[in-house]
């Protein structure tokens, strides 16, 4: 028998197979022949690309608390355990509202306390307001180390400064934070009209605010307008760059400001640190 005859000697046997048997034989042959194409698809998947940005969920809906985050401590925890939940790094500390003593200066400026204002909530809006009273309180407590703190739609930093970029996706950021070295970063400023705390007379337009330094640029990622009533919230999804006092950088982006149940100021934050 020639080599060619021997090569096709199995054909008569195949022809004797039933239809089902022939189909099974064909499928088996295809799988064997394709082994090189599909090799390792299921057993050895390619390594996943490491995500550049992390994500935080911070319920900052309380009117009475600041929520503190230390970027370095968060980064250290993730290096020790990749399964660490970044939201567990947030520390909640209440705003002091109890009056410590009668103030000799009812118009006190830049002092620890509650600044009571009347807001034109039924007319020109909350941008039109008039100072009413100052209530001195204890100084706001803080963790021994922290980078940023959140209170509803307010954000402040621990000696940092902030720049708002034109980017709306974290993956579009330049590779190096040095690209923003000459950007006009803005430091925290004194604020006594936006950190709303005492709301007993809110329907009359009277609100007690904590006097404290906040960052107007980073706080711009979530704005509140009154009227209308209920208030209208507006989200700014630009990426913000935070330059920390030691010279390191972080990138922050507010992705969402409400929970699945519709609670406002429950913040979903994309972040990169160090950036």
C-alpha atoms as a PDB file:
ATOM      1  CA  UNK A   1       0.000   0.000   0.000  1.00  0.00           C
ATOM      2  CA  UNK A   2       1.375   3.405  -0.912  1.00  0.00           C
ATOM      3  CA  UNK A   3       1.735   6.226   1.569  1.00  0.00           C
ATOM      4  CA  UNK A   4      -1.202   8.043  -0.039  1.00  0.00           C
ATOM      5  CA  UNK A   5      -3.393   4.935   0.246  1.00  0.00           C
ATOM      6  CA  UNK A   6      -2.453   4.438   3.896  1.00  0.00           C
ATOM      7  CA  UNK A   7      -3.229   8.134   4.669  1.00  0.00           C
ATOM      8  CA  UNK A   8      -6.855   7.759   3.668  1.00  0.00           C
ATOM      9  CA  UNK A   9      -7.354   4.143   4.753  1.00  0.00           C
ATOM     10  CA  UNK A  10      -9.605   5.290   7.620  1.00  0.00           C
ATOM     11  CA  UNK A  11     -12.214   6.857   5.336  1.00  0.00           C
ATOM     12  CA  UNK A  12     -14.256   3.662   4.772  1.00  0.00           C
ATOM     13  CA  UNK A  13     -14.506   3.242   8.544  1.00  0.00           C
ATOM     14  CA  UNK A  14     -15.759   6.798   8.956  1.00  0.00           C
ATOM     15  CA  UNK A  15     -18.339   6.289   6.271  1.00  0.00           C
ATOM     16  CA  UNK A  16     -19.786   3.389   8.249  1.00  0.00           C
ATOM     17  CA  UNK A  17     -20.424   5.665  11.266  1.00  0.00           C
ATOM     18  CA  UNK A  18     -23.917   6.837  12.015  1.00  0.00           C
ATOM     19  CA  UNK A  19     -24.834  10.531  11.728  1.00  0.00           C
ATOM     20  CA  UNK A  20     -24.482  11.201  15.483  1.00  0.00           C
ATOM     21  CA  UNK A  21     -21.174   9.381  15.696  1.00  0.00           C
ATOM     22  CA  UNK A  22     -19.865  11.231  12.680  1.00  0.00           C
ATOM     23  CA  UNK A  23     -20.823  14.578  14.208  1.00  0.00           C
ATOM     24  CA  UNK A  24     -19.066  13.709  17.484  1.00  0.00           C
ATOM     25  CA  UNK A  25     -15.957  12.660  15.599  1.00  0.00           C
ATOM     26  CA  UNK A  26     -15.941  15.920  13.609  1.00  0.00           C
ATOM     27  CA  UNK A  27     -16.313  18.102  16.739  1.00  0.00           C
ATOM     28  CA  UNK A  28     -13.500  16.201  18.491  1.00  0.00           C
ATOM     29  CA  UNK A  29     -11.244  16.641  15.511  1.00  0.00           C
ATOM     30  CA  UNK A  30     -11.981  20.382  15.382  1.00  0.00           C
ATOM     31  CA  UNK A  31     -11.178  20.834  19.055  1.00  0.00           C
ATOM     32  CA  UNK A  32      -7.866  19.037  18.675  1.00  0.00           C
ATOM     33  CA  UNK A  33      -6.912  21.046  15.611  1.00  0.00           C
ATOM     34  CA  UNK A  34      -7.831  24.350  17.300  1.00  0.00           C
ATOM     35  CA  UNK A  35      -5.922  23.644  20.503  1.00  0.00           C
ATOM     36  CA  UNK A  36      -3.209  26.072  19.548  1.00  0.00           C
ATOM     37  CA  UNK A  37      -5.719  28.859  18.909  1.00  0.00           C
ATOM     38  CA  UNK A  38      -7.696  28.595  22.159  1.00  0.00           C
ATOM     39  CA  UNK A  39      -4.881  27.427  24.395  1.00  0.00           C
ATOM     40  CA  UNK A  40      -4.929  28.924  27.914  1.00  0.00           C
ATOM     41  CA  UNK A  41      -8.089  30.994  27.389  1.00  0.00           C
ATOM     42  CA  UNK A  42      -9.776  29.530  30.473  1.00  0.00           C
ATOM     43  CA  UNK A  43      -6.943  28.126  32.544  1.00  0.00           C
ATOM     44  CA  UNK A  44      -4.468  30.992  32.256  1.00  0.00           C
ATOM     45  CA  UNK A  45      -6.223  34.306  31.582  1.00  0.00           C
ATOM     46  CA  UNK A  46      -3.998  37.301  30.829  1.00  0.00           C
ATOM     47  CA  UNK A  47      -3.181  39.481  33.832  1.00  0.00           C
ATOM     48  CA  UNK A  48      -5.702  42.238  34.514  1.00  0.00           C
ATOM     49  CA  UNK A  49      -4.622  45.795  33.838  1.00  0.00           C
ATOM     50  CA  UNK A  50      -4.172  47.592  37.152  1.00  0.00           C
ATOM     51  CA  UNK A  51      -6.700  50.395  37.569  1.00  0.00           C
ATOM     52  CA  UNK A  52      -5.134  53.805  37.946  1.00  0.00           C
ATOM     53  CA  UNK A  53      -7.867  55.326  40.115  1.00  0.00           C
ATOM     54  CA  UNK A  54      -9.462  54.200  43.353  1.00  0.00           C
ATOM     55  CA  UNK A  55     -12.937  54.932  44.654  1.00  0.00           C
ATOM     56  CA  UNK A  56     -14.338  56.229  47.929  1.00  0.00           C
ATOM     57  CA  UNK A  57     -17.882  56.239  49.256  1.00  0.00           C
ATOM     58  CA  UNK A  58     -18.411  58.863  51.971  1.00  0.00           C
ATOM     59  CA  UNK A  59     -21.795  59.482  53.556  1.00  0.00           C
ATOM     60  CA  UNK A  60     -21.313  63.175  54.280  1.00  0.00           C
ATOM     61  CA  UNK A  61     -25.040  63.865  54.550  1.00  0.00           C
ATOM     62  CA  UNK A  62     -24.912  64.731  58.272  1.00  0.00           C
ATOM     63  CA  UNK A  63     -25.275  68.438  59.044  1.00  0.00           C
ATOM     64  CA  UNK A  64     -23.369  68.016  62.317  1.00  0.00           C
ATOM     65  CA  UNK A  65     -20.134  66.268  61.307  1.00  0.00           C
ATOM     66  CA  UNK A  66     -16.931  66.613  59.325  1.00  0.00           C
ATOM     67  CA  UNK A  67     -15.513  63.506  57.626  1.00  0.00           C
ATOM     68  CA  UNK A  68     -11.704  63.430  57.538  1.00  0.00           C
ATOM     69  CA  UNK A  69      -9.431  61.517  55.167  1.00  0.00           C
ATOM     70  CA  UNK A  70      -5.649  61.089  55.349  1.00  0.00           C
ATOM     71  CA  UNK A  71      -4.269  60.171  51.917  1.00  0.00           C
ATOM     72  CA  UNK A  72      -1.007  58.741  53.224  1.00  0.00           C
ATOM     73  CA  UNK A  73      -2.700  56.516  55.814  1.00  0.00           C
ATOM     74  CA  UNK A  74      -5.097  55.297  53.124  1.00  0.00           C
ATOM     75  CA  UNK A  75      -2.232  54.508  50.774  1.00  0.00           C
ATOM     76  CA  UNK A  76      -0.319  52.669  53.506  1.00  0.00           C
ATOM     77  CA  UNK A  77      -3.374  50.549  54.358  1.00  0.00           C
ATOM     78  CA  UNK A  78      -3.877  49.564  50.714  1.00  0.00           C
ATOM     79  CA  UNK A  79      -0.205  48.623  50.360  1.00  0.00           C
ATOM     80  CA  UNK A  80      -0.569  46.267  53.330  1.00  0.00           C
ATOM     81  CA  UNK A  81      -3.850  44.795  52.123  1.00  0.00           C
ATOM     82  CA  UNK A  82      -5.192  45.324  48.576  1.00  0.00           C
ATOM     83  CA  UNK A  83      -8.630  44.269  49.823  1.00  0.00           C
ATOM     84  CA  UNK A  84      -8.752  47.204  52.264  1.00  0.00           C
ATOM     85  CA  UNK A  85     -11.921  49.275  51.849  1.00  0.00           C
ATOM     86  CA  UNK A  86     -10.831  52.900  51.249  1.00  0.00           C
ATOM     87  CA  UNK A  87     -14.026  54.181  52.867  1.00  0.00           C
ATOM     88  CA  UNK A  88     -12.866  52.694  56.174  1.00  0.00           C
ATOM     89  CA  UNK A  89     -10.126  55.330  56.300  1.00  0.00           C
ATOM     90  CA  UNK A  90     -12.679  58.113  56.860  1.00  0.00           C
ATOM     91  CA  UNK A  91     -12.898  59.572  60.391  1.00  0.00           C
ATOM     92  CA  UNK A  92     -16.056  61.359  61.560  1.00  0.00           C
ATOM     93  CA  UNK A  93     -15.825  64.208  64.095  1.00  0.00           C
ATOM     94  CA  UNK A  94     -18.763  66.334  65.237  1.00  0.00           C
ATOM     95  CA  UNK A  95     -18.999  70.099  64.860  1.00  0.00           C
ATOM     96  CA  UNK A  96     -19.080  71.898  68.230  1.00  0.00           C
ATOM     97  CA  UNK A  97     -22.295  73.897  68.608  1.00  0.00           C
ATOM     98  CA  UNK A  98     -22.615  74.424  72.358  1.00  0.00           C
ATOM     99  CA  UNK A  99     -22.038  78.008  73.424  1.00  0.00           C
ATOM    100  CA  UNK A 100     -18.922  78.339  75.567  1.00  0.00           C
ATOM    101  CA  UNK A 101     -19.467  81.868  76.864  1.00  0.00           C
ATOM    102  CA  UNK A 102     -21.172  85.084  75.974  1.00  0.00           C
ATOM    103  CA  UNK A 103     -19.204  86.927  73.339  1.00  0.00           C
ATOM    104  CA  UNK A 104     -18.070  90.463  74.052  1.00  0.00           C
ATOM    105  CA  UNK A 105     -17.973  90.987  70.292  1.00  0.00           C
ATOM    106  CA  UNK A 106     -21.223  89.919  68.606  1.00  0.00           C
ATOM    107  CA  UNK A 107     -19.658  90.683  65.216  1.00  0.00           C
ATOM    108  CA  UNK A 108     -16.588  88.554  65.822  1.00  0.00           C
ATOM    109  CA  UNK A 109     -14.588  87.591  62.730  1.00  0.00           C
ATOM    110  CA  UNK A 110     -12.447  84.500  62.118  1.00  0.00           C
ATOM    111  CA  UNK A 111     -13.252  83.128  65.586  1.00  0.00           C
ATOM    112  CA  UNK A 112     -14.402  79.636  66.520  1.00  0.00           C
ATOM    113  CA  UNK A 113     -18.159  79.575  66.707  1.00  0.00           C
ATOM    114  CA  UNK A 114     -21.515  79.620  64.982  1.00  0.00           C
ATOM    115  CA  UNK A 115     -22.348  82.535  62.681  1.00  0.00           C
ATOM    116  CA  UNK A 116     -26.085  82.991  62.336  1.00  0.00           C
ATOM    117  CA  UNK A 117     -27.306  84.488  59.061  1.00  0.00           C
ATOM    118  CA  UNK A 118     -30.659  85.302  57.515  1.00  0.00           C
ATOM    119  CA  UNK A 119     -30.959  84.013  53.926  1.00  0.00           C
ATOM    120  CA  UNK A 120     -33.487  85.262  51.403  1.00  0.00           C
ATOM    121  CA  UNK A 121     -34.668  81.731  50.608  1.00  0.00           C
ATOM    122  CA  UNK A 122     -38.023  82.866  49.240  1.00  0.00           C
ATOM    123  CA  UNK A 123     -36.702  85.767  47.218  1.00  0.00           C
ATOM    124  CA  UNK A 124     -33.284  86.550  45.770  1.00  0.00           C
ATOM    125  CA  UNK A 125     -31.812  83.261  47.045  1.00  0.00           C
ATOM    126  CA  UNK A 126     -29.137  82.198  49.524  1.00  0.00           C
ATOM    127  CA  UNK A 127     -26.510  84.416  47.908  1.00  0.00           C
ATOM    128  CA  UNK A 128     -28.423  87.312  49.504  1.00  0.00           C
ATOM    129  CA  UNK A 129     -27.862  87.037  53.269  1.00  0.00           C
ATOM    130  CA  UNK A 130     -27.482  89.205  56.355  1.00  0.00           C
ATOM    131  CA  UNK A 131     -25.432  88.497  59.507  1.00  0.00           C
ATOM    132  CA  UNK A 132     -27.539  88.141  62.680  1.00  0.00           C
ATOM    133  CA  UNK A 133     -25.544  86.717  65.603  1.00  0.00           C
ATOM    134  CA  UNK A 134     -22.253  85.117  66.672  1.00  0.00           C
ATOM    135  CA  UNK A 135     -22.188  82.180  69.130  1.00  0.00           C
ATOM    136  CA  UNK A 136     -18.683  81.243  70.411  1.00  0.00           C
ATOM    137  CA  UNK A 137     -17.932  77.510  70.632  1.00  0.00           C
ATOM    138  CA  UNK A 138     -15.003  75.185  71.151  1.00  0.00           C
ATOM    139  CA  UNK A 139     -12.485  74.767  68.342  1.00  0.00           C
ATOM    140  CA  UNK A 140     -13.234  72.091  65.758  1.00  0.00           C
ATOM    141  CA  UNK A 141     -11.486  68.829  66.675  1.00  0.00           C
ATOM    142  CA  UNK A 142      -9.295  67.196  64.053  1.00  0.00           C
ATOM    143  CA  UNK A 143      -7.365  63.916  63.658  1.00  0.00           C
ATOM    144  CA  UNK A 144      -3.628  64.038  64.310  1.00  0.00           C
ATOM    145  CA  UNK A 145      -3.076  63.648  60.563  1.00  0.00           C
ATOM    146  CA  UNK A 146      -5.497  64.403  57.737  1.00  0.00           C
ATOM    147  CA  UNK A 147      -5.521  65.710  54.162  1.00  0.00           C
ATOM    148  CA  UNK A 148      -9.100  66.682  53.264  1.00  0.00           C
ATOM    149  CA  UNK A 149     -12.419  66.835  55.109  1.00  0.00           C
ATOM    150  CA  UNK A 150     -16.006  66.761  53.843  1.00  0.00           C
ATOM    151  CA  UNK A 151     -19.250  68.240  55.188  1.00  0.00           C
ATOM    152  CA  UNK A 152     -22.192  67.834  52.818  1.00  0.00           C
ATOM    153  CA  UNK A 153     -21.261  70.057  49.852  1.00  0.00           C
ATOM    154  CA  UNK A 154     -18.299  71.658  51.663  1.00  0.00           C
ATOM    155  CA  UNK A 155     -14.664  70.556  51.488  1.00  0.00           C
ATOM    156  CA  UNK A 156     -11.625  71.833  53.346  1.00  0.00           C
ATOM    157  CA  UNK A 157      -7.970  70.849  53.396  1.00  0.00           C
ATOM    158  CA  UNK A 158      -5.165  70.619  55.930  1.00  0.00           C
ATOM    159  CA  UNK A 159      -2.912  73.311  54.507  1.00  0.00           C
ATOM    160  CA  UNK A 160      -3.285  72.124  50.916  1.00  0.00           C
ATOM    161  CA  UNK A 161      -4.305  74.014  47.777  1.00  0.00           C
ATOM    162  CA  UNK A 162      -6.549  72.989  44.883  1.00  0.00           C
ATOM    163  CA  UNK A 163      -6.751  73.446  41.120  1.00  0.00           C
ATOM    164  CA  UNK A 164      -9.732  72.554  38.918  1.00  0.00           C
ATOM    165  CA  UNK A 165      -8.697  70.914  35.642  1.00  0.00           C
ATOM    166  CA  UNK A 166     -10.544  70.739  32.338  1.00  0.00           C
ATOM    167  CA  UNK A 167     -10.589  66.919  32.463  1.00  0.00           C
ATOM    168  CA  UNK A 168     -13.749  64.937  33.154  1.00  0.00           C
ATOM    169  CA  UNK A 169     -12.112  61.486  33.091  1.00  0.00           C
ATOM    170  CA  UNK A 170      -9.341  60.356  35.393  1.00  0.00           C
ATOM    171  CA  UNK A 171      -7.714  58.324  32.628  1.00  0.00           C
ATOM    172  CA  UNK A 172      -7.225  61.486  30.547  1.00  0.00           C
ATOM    173  CA  UNK A 173      -4.967  63.134  33.138  1.00  0.00           C
ATOM    174  CA  UNK A 174      -1.324  63.706  32.174  1.00  0.00           C
ATOM    175  CA  UNK A 175       0.997  60.981  33.409  1.00  0.00           C
ATOM    176  CA  UNK A 176       2.807  63.328  35.775  1.00  0.00           C
ATOM    177  CA  UNK A 177       1.393  65.812  38.277  1.00  0.00           C
ATOM    178  CA  UNK A 178       4.289  68.074  37.296  1.00  0.00           C
ATOM    179  CA  UNK A 179       2.109  69.114  34.366  1.00  0.00           C
ATOM    180  CA  UNK A 180       0.199  71.238  36.889  1.00  0.00           C
ATOM    181  CA  UNK A 181       3.219  72.700  38.681  1.00  0.00           C
ATOM    182  CA  UNK A 182       2.488  76.227  37.417  1.00  0.00           C
ATOM    183  CA  UNK A 183      -1.306  76.032  37.702  1.00  0.00           C
ATOM    184  CA  UNK A 184      -3.126  78.649  39.856  1.00  0.00           C
ATOM    185  CA  UNK A 185      -3.765  76.547  42.969  1.00  0.00           C
ATOM    186  CA  UNK A 186      -6.088  78.073  45.585  1.00  0.00           C
ATOM    187  CA  UNK A 187      -5.726  77.665  49.362  1.00  0.00           C
ATOM    188  CA  UNK A 188      -8.553  77.456  51.905  1.00  0.00           C
ATOM    189  CA  UNK A 189     -10.304  80.665  52.888  1.00  0.00           C
ATOM    190  CA  UNK A 190     -12.374  81.770  55.865  1.00  0.00           C
ATOM    191  CA  UNK A 191     -16.061  80.892  55.474  1.00  0.00           C
ATOM    192  CA  UNK A 192     -19.007  81.676  57.754  1.00  0.00           C
ATOM    193  CA  UNK A 193     -21.987  81.347  55.389  1.00  0.00           C
ATOM    194  CA  UNK A 194     -21.808  77.859  53.805  1.00  0.00           C
ATOM    195  CA  UNK A 195     -21.220  75.206  56.476  1.00  0.00           C
ATOM    196  CA  UNK A 196     -24.831  74.964  57.621  1.00  0.00           C
ATOM    197  CA  UNK A 197     -25.245  73.401  61.063  1.00  0.00           C
ATOM    198  CA  UNK A 198     -28.166  74.819  63.076  1.00  0.00           C
ATOM    199  CA  UNK A 199     -31.394  74.478  61.098  1.00  0.00           C
ATOM    200  CA  UNK A 200     -34.175  74.946  63.669  1.00  0.00           C
ATOM    201  CA  UNK A 201     -35.311  78.179  62.007  1.00  0.00           C
ATOM    202  CA  UNK A 202     -34.472  77.272  58.437  1.00  0.00           C
ATOM    203  CA  UNK A 203     -38.067  77.778  57.265  1.00  0.00           C
ATOM    204  CA  UNK A 204     -37.689  81.396  58.367  1.00  0.00           C
ATOM    205  CA  UNK A 205     -34.427  81.690  56.488  1.00  0.00           C
ATOM    206  CA  UNK A 206     -32.336  81.665  59.703  1.00  0.00           C
ATOM    207  CA  UNK A 207     -29.363  79.276  59.649  1.00  0.00           C
ATOM    208  CA  UNK A 208     -26.403  78.863  62.003  1.00  0.00           C
ATOM    209  CA  UNK A 209     -23.111  78.242  60.174  1.00  0.00           C
ATOM    210  CA  UNK A 210     -19.770  77.041  61.463  1.00  0.00           C
ATOM    211  CA  UNK A 211     -17.055  79.613  60.997  1.00  0.00           C
ATOM    212  CA  UNK A 212     -14.134  77.702  59.488  1.00  0.00           C
ATOM    213  CA  UNK A 213     -11.717  77.723  56.562  1.00  0.00           C
ATOM    214  CA  UNK A 214     -12.953  75.861  53.454  1.00  0.00           C
ATOM    215  CA  UNK A 215     -11.675  75.440  49.927  1.00  0.00           C
ATOM    216  CA  UNK A 216     -14.002  77.254  47.540  1.00  0.00           C
ATOM    217  CA  UNK A 217     -12.470  75.567  44.466  1.00  0.00           C
ATOM    218  CA  UNK A 218     -12.912  71.975  45.642  1.00  0.00           C
ATOM    219  CA  UNK A 219     -16.288  72.783  47.222  1.00  0.00           C
ATOM    220  CA  UNK A 220     -17.360  73.863  43.743  1.00  0.00           C
ATOM    221  CA  UNK A 221     -17.738  70.199  42.747  1.00  0.00           C
ATOM    222  CA  UNK A 222     -21.204  70.258  44.345  1.00  0.00           C
ATOM    223  CA  UNK A 223     -23.335  73.406  44.516  1.00  0.00           C
ATOM    224  CA  UNK A 224     -26.728  74.011  46.107  1.00  0.00           C
ATOM    225  CA  UNK A 225     -29.259  76.577  44.924  1.00  0.00           C
ATOM    226  CA  UNK A 226     -32.236  77.932  46.915  1.00  0.00           C
ATOM    227  CA  UNK A 227     -34.753  78.720  45.552  1.00  0.00           C
ATOM    228  CA  UNK A 228     -36.139  76.351  44.409  1.00  0.00           C
ATOM    229  CA  UNK A 229     -37.387  74.466  47.459  1.00  0.00           C
ATOM    230  CA  UNK A 230     -36.400  71.703  47.883  1.00  0.00           C
ATOM    231  CA  UNK A 231     -32.870  72.833  46.948  1.00  0.00           C
ATOM    232  CA  UNK A 232     -31.384  72.099  43.536  1.00  0.00           C
ATOM    233  CA  UNK A 233     -28.023  70.275  43.537  1.00  0.00           C
ATOM    234  CA  UNK A 234     -25.547  70.606  40.659  1.00  0.00           C
ATOM    235  CA  UNK A 235     -22.586  68.254  40.181  1.00  0.00           C
ATOM    236  CA  UNK A 236     -19.314  69.415  38.614  1.00  0.00           C
ATOM    237  CA  UNK A 237     -17.504  66.292  37.374  1.00  0.00           C
ATOM    238  CA  UNK A 238     -14.187  67.947  36.550  1.00  0.00           C
ATOM    239  CA  UNK A 239     -11.052  66.391  38.048  1.00  0.00           C
ATOM    240  CA  UNK A 240      -9.473  68.472  40.834  1.00  0.00           C
ATOM    241  CA  UNK A 241      -5.782  68.391  41.727  1.00  0.00           C
ATOM    242  CA  UNK A 242      -4.873  68.734  45.413  1.00  0.00           C
ATOM    243  CA  UNK A 243      -1.348  69.874  46.192  1.00  0.00           C
ATOM    244  CA  UNK A 244      -0.478  68.815  49.739  1.00  0.00           C
ATOM    245  CA  UNK A 245       1.894  70.782  52.007  1.00  0.00           C
ATOM    246  CA  UNK A 246       4.688  68.206  51.684  1.00  0.00           C
ATOM    247  CA  UNK A 247       4.647  68.588  47.895  1.00  0.00           C
ATOM    248  CA  UNK A 248       2.750  65.428  46.919  1.00  0.00           C
ATOM    249  CA  UNK A 249      -0.375  65.516  44.783  1.00  0.00           C
ATOM    250  CA  UNK A 250      -3.776  63.839  44.720  1.00  0.00           C
ATOM    251  CA  UNK A 251      -6.470  63.844  42.036  1.00  0.00           C
ATOM    252  CA  UNK A 252     -10.149  63.864  43.042  1.00  0.00           C
ATOM    253  CA  UNK A 253     -13.368  63.638  41.049  1.00  0.00           C
ATOM    254  CA  UNK A 254     -16.933  63.617  42.354  1.00  0.00           C
ATOM    255  CA  UNK A 255     -18.795  60.933  40.423  1.00  0.00           C
ATOM    256  CA  UNK A 256     -22.096  61.002  42.308  1.00  0.00           C
ATOM    257  CA  UNK A 257     -23.603  62.924  45.234  1.00  0.00           C
ATOM    258  CA  UNK A 258     -26.559  60.815  46.285  1.00  0.00           C
ATOM    259  CA  UNK A 259     -27.262  57.304  47.502  1.00  0.00           C
ATOM    260  CA  UNK A 260     -29.398  54.691  45.767  1.00  0.00           C
ATOM    261  CA  UNK A 261     -32.253  55.844  48.017  1.00  0.00           C
ATOM    262  CA  UNK A 262     -31.806  59.443  46.909  1.00  0.00           C
ATOM    263  CA  UNK A 263     -30.076  60.788  50.043  1.00  0.00           C
ATOM    264  CA  UNK A 264     -28.117  63.889  49.052  1.00  0.00           C
ATOM    265  CA  UNK A 265     -24.420  64.416  49.910  1.00  0.00           C
ATOM    266  CA  UNK A 266     -23.553  60.717  49.891  1.00  0.00           C
ATOM    267  CA  UNK A 267     -20.377  61.155  47.891  1.00  0.00           C
ATOM    268  CA  UNK A 268     -18.851  58.712  45.408  1.00  0.00           C
ATOM    269  CA  UNK A 269     -15.315  59.975  44.796  1.00  0.00           C
ATOM    270  CA  UNK A 270     -12.737  58.761  42.289  1.00  0.00           C
ATOM    271  CA  UNK A 271      -9.196  59.427  43.458  1.00  0.00           C
ATOM    272  CA  UNK A 272      -5.538  58.938  42.615  1.00  0.00           C
ATOM    273  CA  UNK A 273      -2.903  59.152  45.345  1.00  0.00           C
ATOM    274  CA  UNK A 274      -0.068  59.638  45.033  1.00  0.00           C
ATOM    275  CA  UNK A 275      -0.484  61.321  41.664  1.00  0.00           C
END
